[in-house]
Every structure is written in C-alpha cells, then in structure tokens.
Amino acid sequence: MKNLALIDVGGTTIKYGLWDGANQELTKKGQIPTPKSLNAYYTALTEIVTAFKTSDQVVGVAMSTPGAVNKATGMIEGSSALPYIHYFDIQSEFETRFGLPVVMENDANCAALAEIGNGAAQGLANVLLLVLGTGVGGAVVQNGQVQHGAHLLGGEFGYMLTADGSILSNVGTAVRMAERYNQQAQTDYTGQEVFALAQQGDALAQKEAQVMYDSLAQAIYNLQYSFDPEAIIIGGGVSQADFLIPALEKAIQKILNQVEIAAVTPKLVTCQYHNDANLIGAMVDFKQTYPDLI
C-alpha cells in the first residue's frame, strides 16, 4: 500500500510523520525546531522526506503550513512567523527537491479536514472550525471541502469585530485574557492561571474571563446565522479545558434569550485530534487533490 510523508510546519517546531496506507494510521512521528532561514528550512524538510523515501513507499508529500496557501500559484500568501516562506512558488521548489508531488494547505484548514474526516465532526459536511491560540483562526468547510474565499481569507474569524470595536483575536483568547489581567493586576500569570483564579473567586479574573466568553459567544452566534453549519468545532489548547464549552454555551444562551427569532442553538464540539490534527488533515487534503494516487 502506498504511503505519504506528512509535514506540519509551525513557528517553533516542525512535526512530521508517515501516513501508513496499509493500516490507515499515522506512524513514525517526530519533530524538529523550525529553522531560521530558507536554506536551512529546505535542508531540514528534504532530510525528513529523503529518510521516508529510503525506507517506505512514499508517493507524495502533504504539508500543513501557516499562511494563506494559494493552490493555483503554489505560493503561500499572507504573513506568518516564517517570513521567508511567503510570496514565491515554494511548491514547485519543494517538488523539485523532494522528487515527489507536494500538496500544501493552511494549518487551520488542515485541522478542519482532520475533524470531518474521522474526528469530532465525522459524518458532517458543513462545519466551521474556531481555533483559539494567541489569536483566533479557523476554517470554513462546506460539502466536505475547505472554502478558501476570494482573497484566501476564508476562516479568518479573528478579524471579526466585537461589540466594543476590538477584533476577536484581541479579546477572544486565553492569551489576551491573561495580558489584560496582568496589565491591571501587575502580575505575570498565564491564561491557565487566570482561569484558576477566576474559579477561586478572583473578581478581576472572572471579569476578564467573561470578556473572552462573551466575545466568542457573539462571534459564534454570528457565524451560526451566517453559515448555518451543522457544528462549530472549537480547537486550540484551551479547547481541552472542561469548563470552556459550558461557559460558551451559557454566554450564547444569553444572546438567544435576547433575540426572540433565533431558533437554532449552535452545536459546539471540542476537537478530537490535538497535536496530530494538522498532519492528518494534510493527508486528507492530499487525497482530495490526488484521489487516484493514494
């Protein structure tokens, strides 16, 4: 059975693995620090792919990457923590160096593809992914396909404006919540620590946590009534906190109580694939691009 080399590029680390076609599973996982230059980046990725080619029947390379991937041009548009990967035909360069077909997709889009393939949204065709990290990212999946948008901005939910005029990325994450708390309290707590303080009754922590919940709830409400998805998947590290979904549902219910015509309550689900989501989603994207190859 044919296999795929999988690569997930992040700002700090590059994760990789082999998709075992015979057993339909992710194997031989590993990670390396993300290089600081383009030449070092090429060298590191070529070494990963070459190692897989030497010992496995690899028919292609599937990549998850930051930035706005333009599949028509092979460019990674937009911006990311890796400025050296943007605005040239990097896909062709990879294919030349690897000697294999290469498929690239944005990391949030890959995570969404993983979840609808065999994860939290398995069996669903129309879903949204909301990724809560340092900022807010996401993906739009309709009829099982990622919707990139006219300017490759599909799923960039962090740009959405909230009631106070802030963008969602600045108010809708645990990282920003902690920054607001620390600025006022003259402390240096993490988001996890501020959540703990809120649960212990710290009034300022509770206030800032509620800002996050209310901001996300408003965004989720708007997304539900704009796209009408079957489910909205919540991803990112904070998504694993057992209190997050109930807190969001409570905040959403407050909105629904105010809007009498709103008859549909958004269905929120936590992502199933964590660190492996981007690798598995890259595999799904490759299969959609080259259905006859693997």
Protein backbone atom coordinates (compact mmCIF):
# COMPACT_ATOMS: atom_id res chain seq x y z
CA MET A 1 0.00 0.00 0.00
CA LYS A 2 1.22 3.49 -0.78
CA ASN A 3 2.31 5.92 1.94
CA LEU A 4 2.52 9.68 2.39
CA ALA A 5 5.13 11.84 4.05
CA LEU A 6 3.34 14.35 6.28
CA ILE A 7 4.80 17.66 7.47
CA ASP A 8 3.26 20.22 9.83
CA VAL A 9 5.16 23.50 9.84
CA GLY A 10 4.84 25.69 12.92
CA GLY A 11 6.59 28.83 14.04
CA THR A 12 8.54 26.98 16.72
CA THR A 13 8.60 23.33 15.67
CA ILE A 14 8.06 21.22 12.58
CA LYS A 15 6.19 17.98 13.23
CA TYR A 16 6.32 15.12 10.77
CA GLY A 17 5.06 11.61 10.31
CA LEU A 18 4.27 8.87 7.81
CA TRP A 19 0.74 8.01 6.76
CA ASP A 20 0.70 4.21 6.58
CA GLY A 21 -1.64 3.46 3.69
CA ALA A 22 -1.98 -0.22 4.53
CA ASN A 23 -3.10 0.33 8.11
CA GLN A 24 -4.59 3.80 7.61
CA GLU A 25 -2.72 5.29 10.53
CA LEU A 26 -0.14 7.92 11.40
CA THR A 27 3.25 6.43 12.25
CA LYS A 28 6.92 7.37 12.66
CA LYS A 29 6.12 10.73 14.23
CA GLY A 30 8.81 13.19 15.22
CA GLN A 31 9.61 16.87 15.41
CA ILE A 32 12.48 19.30 14.93
CA PRO A 33 12.99 23.01 15.71
CA THR A 34 11.80 25.25 12.92
CA PRO A 35 14.82 26.63 11.02
CA LYS A 36 15.53 30.34 10.95
CA SER A 37 16.38 30.66 7.25
CA LEU A 38 15.03 29.43 3.94
CA ASN A 39 18.10 27.37 3.06
CA ALA A 40 18.05 25.63 6.44
CA TYR A 41 14.31 25.08 6.00
CA TYR A 42 14.81 23.37 2.64
CA THR A 43 17.59 21.22 4.08
CA ALA A 44 15.57 20.11 7.10
CA LEU A 45 12.46 19.19 5.13
CA THR A 46 14.45 17.43 2.41
CA GLU A 47 16.17 15.30 5.05
CA ILE A 48 12.78 14.27 6.50
CA VAL A 49 11.34 13.33 3.12
CA THR A 50 14.50 11.56 1.97
CA ALA A 51 14.51 9.41 5.10
CA PHE A 52 10.93 8.32 4.41
CA LYS A 53 11.67 7.68 0.72
CA THR A 54 14.59 5.46 1.64
CA SER A 55 12.62 3.11 3.86
CA ASP A 56 8.97 3.46 2.73
CA GLN A 57 6.96 3.52 -0.49
CA VAL A 58 6.21 7.23 -0.41
CA VAL A 59 4.14 8.62 -3.28
CA GLY A 60 3.84 12.22 -2.17
CA VAL A 61 4.27 14.88 0.50
CA ALA A 62 1.35 16.54 2.28
CA MET A 63 2.10 19.76 4.14
CA SER A 64 0.30 21.86 6.71
CA THR A 65 1.70 25.36 6.82
CA PRO A 66 0.98 28.79 8.28
CA GLY A 67 -0.15 31.49 5.88
CA ALA A 68 -2.71 31.68 3.09
CA VAL A 69 -1.93 28.90 0.63
CA ASN A 70 -2.72 29.77 -2.98
CA LYS A 71 -3.13 26.38 -4.61
CA ALA A 72 -3.30 27.91 -8.08
CA THR A 73 0.11 29.57 -7.87
CA GLY A 74 1.97 27.40 -5.37
CA MET A 75 2.57 30.47 -3.21
CA ILE A 76 1.98 31.00 0.48
CA GLU A 77 0.44 34.44 0.72
CA GLY A 78 -0.41 36.49 3.81
CA SER A 79 2.05 36.54 6.68
CA SER A 80 3.32 34.25 9.42
CA ALA A 81 6.13 33.76 11.91
CA LEU A 82 8.22 32.49 8.97
CA PRO A 83 8.55 35.44 6.58
CA TYR A 84 10.94 33.52 4.32
CA ILE A 85 8.23 31.12 3.05
CA HIS A 86 5.96 33.77 1.51
CA TYR A 87 5.19 35.09 -1.98
CA PHE A 88 7.08 32.85 -4.36
CA ASP A 89 6.35 29.45 -5.92
CA ILE A 90 7.58 27.40 -2.99
CA GLN A 91 5.51 24.37 -4.00
CA SER A 92 7.47 23.89 -7.23
CA GLU A 93 10.72 24.25 -5.28
CA PHE A 94 9.60 21.52 -2.88
CA GLU A 95 8.59 19.20 -5.72
CA THR A 96 11.98 19.64 -7.36
CA ARG A 97 13.87 18.99 -4.15
CA PHE A 98 11.70 16.09 -2.97
CA GLY A 99 11.15 14.47 -6.36
CA LEU A 100 7.52 13.92 -5.41
CA PRO A 101 4.16 15.67 -5.81
CA VAL A 102 3.54 18.12 -2.97
CA VAL A 103 0.22 19.42 -1.66
CA MET A 104 0.09 22.33 0.81
CA GLU A 105 -2.78 23.68 2.89
CA ASN A 106 -3.21 26.22 5.68
CA ASP A 107 -2.83 24.70 9.14
CA ALA A 108 -6.32 25.60 10.40
CA ASN A 109 -7.85 24.24 7.21
CA CYS A 110 -5.92 21.01 7.74
CA ALA A 111 -7.22 20.73 11.29
CA ALA A 112 -10.79 21.10 9.99
CA LEU A 113 -10.26 18.43 7.36
CA ALA A 114 -8.97 16.05 10.04
CA GLU A 115 -12.03 16.58 12.20
CA ILE A 116 -14.56 15.98 9.43
CA GLY A 117 -12.58 13.04 8.09
CA ASN A 118 -12.60 10.87 11.17
CA GLY A 119 -12.78 13.18 14.17
CA ALA A 120 -15.20 15.30 16.14
CA ALA A 121 -17.22 16.19 13.01
CA GLN A 122 -17.11 12.81 11.32
CA GLY A 123 -20.08 12.36 9.01
CA LEU A 124 -20.78 16.09 8.78
CA ALA A 125 -20.36 18.04 5.56
CA ASN A 126 -20.78 21.65 6.67
CA VAL A 127 -18.78 22.77 9.68
CA LEU A 128 -16.74 25.67 10.98
CA LEU A 129 -13.53 25.39 12.96
CA LEU A 130 -12.67 28.06 15.52
CA VAL A 131 -9.05 27.85 16.67
CA LEU A 132 -8.19 29.67 19.90
CA GLY A 133 -4.47 30.26 20.19
CA THR A 134 -2.56 33.50 20.60
CA GLY A 135 -5.17 34.89 18.23
CA VAL A 136 -8.27 33.39 16.66
CA GLY A 137 -8.12 31.44 13.42
CA GLY A 138 -10.42 29.00 11.78
CA ALA A 139 -11.75 27.29 8.71
CA VAL A 140 -14.94 27.01 6.68
CA VAL A 141 -15.88 23.57 5.34
CA GLN A 142 -18.88 23.23 3.03
CA ASN A 143 -19.86 19.98 1.34
CA GLY A 144 -16.69 18.47 2.78
CA GLN A 145 -14.42 20.99 1.05
CA VAL A 146 -12.43 23.85 2.55
CA GLN A 147 -13.67 27.22 1.33
CA HIS A 148 -10.69 29.49 0.79
CA GLY A 149 -12.56 32.62 -0.24
CA ALA A 150 -11.87 35.16 -2.98
CA HIS A 151 -8.82 36.55 -1.14
CA LEU A 152 -7.81 33.34 0.67
CA LEU A 153 -9.31 34.74 3.88
CA GLY A 154 -11.93 32.06 4.45
CA GLY A 155 -11.98 31.21 8.15
CA GLU A 156 -10.01 34.24 9.35
CA PHE A 157 -12.52 34.76 12.13
CA GLY A 158 -10.02 36.67 14.25
CA TYR A 159 -10.66 39.73 12.07
CA MET A 160 -14.31 39.90 13.14
CA LEU A 161 -15.31 42.99 15.12
CA THR A 162 -16.83 42.61 18.56
CA ALA A 163 -19.32 44.88 20.28
CA ASP A 164 -16.63 47.19 21.69
CA GLY A 165 -14.87 47.58 18.35
CA SER A 166 -12.00 45.21 19.09
CA ILE A 167 -11.10 42.42 16.71
CA LEU A 168 -11.90 38.96 18.02
CA SER A 169 -8.24 37.91 18.13
CA ASN A 170 -7.57 40.63 20.71
CA VAL A 171 -10.36 39.67 23.12
CA GLY A 172 -11.31 36.06 22.40
CA THR A 173 -8.32 34.03 23.60
CA ALA A 174 -6.83 32.96 26.92
CA VAL A 175 -3.54 34.61 25.97
CA ARG A 176 -5.17 38.02 25.56
CA MET A 177 -7.28 37.46 28.68
CA ALA A 178 -4.10 36.92 30.70
CA GLU A 179 -2.50 40.01 29.17
CA ARG A 180 -5.45 42.16 30.23
CA TYR A 181 -5.40 40.70 33.74
CA ASN A 182 -1.65 41.13 34.14
CA GLN A 183 -1.73 44.72 32.95
CA GLN A 184 -4.30 45.63 35.57
CA ALA A 185 -3.02 43.46 38.44
CA GLN A 186 0.71 43.98 37.73
CA THR A 187 1.26 40.22 37.61
CA ASP A 188 2.65 37.70 35.13
CA TYR A 189 0.10 34.89 35.06
CA THR A 190 -0.65 32.53 32.20
CA GLY A 191 -4.13 32.07 30.82
CA GLN A 192 -4.44 28.78 32.70
CA GLU A 193 -3.55 30.52 35.95
CA VAL A 194 -6.06 33.31 35.36
CA PHE A 195 -8.79 30.75 34.74
CA ALA A 196 -7.84 29.09 38.03
CA LEU A 197 -8.04 32.44 39.80
CA ALA A 198 -11.48 33.02 38.31
CA GLN A 199 -12.68 29.68 39.64
CA GLN A 200 -11.31 30.63 43.05
CA GLY A 201 -13.41 33.81 43.08
CA ASP A 202 -10.93 36.46 41.93
CA ALA A 203 -13.24 39.23 40.69
CA LEU A 204 -10.84 40.65 38.10
CA ALA A 205 -10.09 37.19 36.70
CA GLN A 206 -13.81 36.46 36.47
CA LYS A 207 -14.40 39.75 34.68
CA GLU A 208 -11.68 39.16 32.09
CA ALA A 209 -12.69 35.53 31.54
CA GLN A 210 -16.24 36.72 30.90
CA VAL A 211 -14.96 39.20 28.31
CA MET A 212 -13.46 36.24 26.46
CA TYR A 213 -16.60 34.11 26.76
CA ASP A 214 -18.94 36.91 25.68
CA SER A 215 -16.75 37.91 22.74
CA LEU A 216 -16.57 34.33 21.48
CA ALA A 217 -20.28 33.79 22.08
CA GLN A 218 -21.15 36.80 19.94
CA ALA A 219 -18.85 35.57 17.18
CA ILE A 220 -20.27 32.05 17.35
CA TYR A 221 -23.82 33.36 17.21
CA ASN A 222 -23.00 35.47 14.15
CA LEU A 223 -21.21 32.57 12.45
CA GLN A 224 -24.10 30.22 13.08
CA TYR A 225 -26.58 32.57 11.47
CA SER A 226 -24.22 33.45 8.62
CA PHE A 227 -23.10 29.95 7.57
CA ASP A 228 -25.65 27.72 9.37
CA PRO A 229 -23.12 24.93 9.97
CA GLU A 230 -24.03 21.55 11.38
CA ALA A 231 -21.45 22.10 14.12
CA ILE A 232 -18.76 24.53 15.20
CA ILE A 233 -15.55 22.79 16.29
CA ILE A 234 -13.51 24.52 18.97
CA GLY A 235 -9.78 23.93 18.71
CA GLY A 236 -6.58 25.23 20.24
CA GLY A 237 -5.02 24.39 23.59
CA VAL A 238 -7.75 26.00 25.69
CA SER A 239 -10.38 23.84 23.97
CA GLN A 240 -9.36 20.95 26.24
CA ALA A 241 -10.48 22.80 29.39
CA ASP A 242 -13.64 21.09 30.62
CA PHE A 243 -15.22 24.42 31.60
CA LEU A 244 -14.88 26.14 28.21
CA ILE A 245 -17.81 24.69 26.26
CA PRO A 246 -20.30 25.09 29.17
CA ALA A 247 -19.14 28.71 29.67
CA LEU A 248 -19.57 29.46 25.97
CA GLU A 249 -22.97 27.79 25.85
CA LYS A 250 -24.11 29.88 28.82
CA ALA A 251 -22.94 33.09 27.14
CA ILE A 252 -24.61 32.08 23.86
CA GLN A 253 -27.86 31.38 25.66
CA LYS A 254 -27.88 34.94 26.98
CA ILE A 255 -27.77 36.16 23.38
CA LEU A 256 -30.50 33.76 22.29
CA ASN A 257 -32.70 34.98 25.14
CA GLN A 258 -32.38 38.50 23.74
CA VAL A 259 -33.07 37.55 20.12
CA GLU A 260 -36.52 36.01 20.02
CA ILE A 261 -36.36 34.98 16.35
CA ALA A 262 -33.16 32.95 16.89
CA ALA A 263 -34.45 29.38 17.00
CA VAL A 264 -31.21 27.48 16.42
CA THR A 265 -28.65 26.96 19.17
CA PRO A 266 -25.11 26.50 17.81
CA LYS A 267 -23.75 23.00 18.33
CA LEU A 268 -20.28 23.25 19.85
CA VAL A 269 -17.88 20.31 19.86
CA THR A 270 -14.30 20.05 21.05
CA CYS A 271 -11.70 18.97 18.53
CA GLN A 272 -10.67 15.33 18.79
CA TYR A 273 -7.24 15.43 17.17
CA HIS A 274 -4.83 17.58 19.11
CA ASN A 275 -1.19 17.74 18.05
CA ASP A 276 -1.87 15.32 15.18
CA ALA A 277 -4.74 17.29 13.62
CA ASN A 278 -2.66 19.20 11.08
CA LEU A 279 -0.77 16.11 9.94
CA ILE A 280 -3.93 14.07 9.46
CA GLY A 281 -5.71 16.96 7.76
CA ALA A 282 -2.79 17.36 5.34
CA MET A 283 -3.26 13.70 4.42
CA VAL A 284 -6.97 14.31 3.76
CA ASP A 285 -6.11 17.31 1.59
CA PHE A 286 -3.62 15.24 -0.44
CA LYS A 287 -6.24 12.55 -1.02
CA GLN A 288 -8.73 15.16 -2.21
CA THR A 289 -6.14 16.61 -4.59
CA TYR A 290 -4.78 13.28 -5.90
CA PRO A 291 -7.59 10.74 -5.39
CA ASP A 292 -6.02 8.28 -7.85
CA LEU A 293 -2.53 8.45 -6.38
CA ILE A 294 -3.27 7.07 -2.95
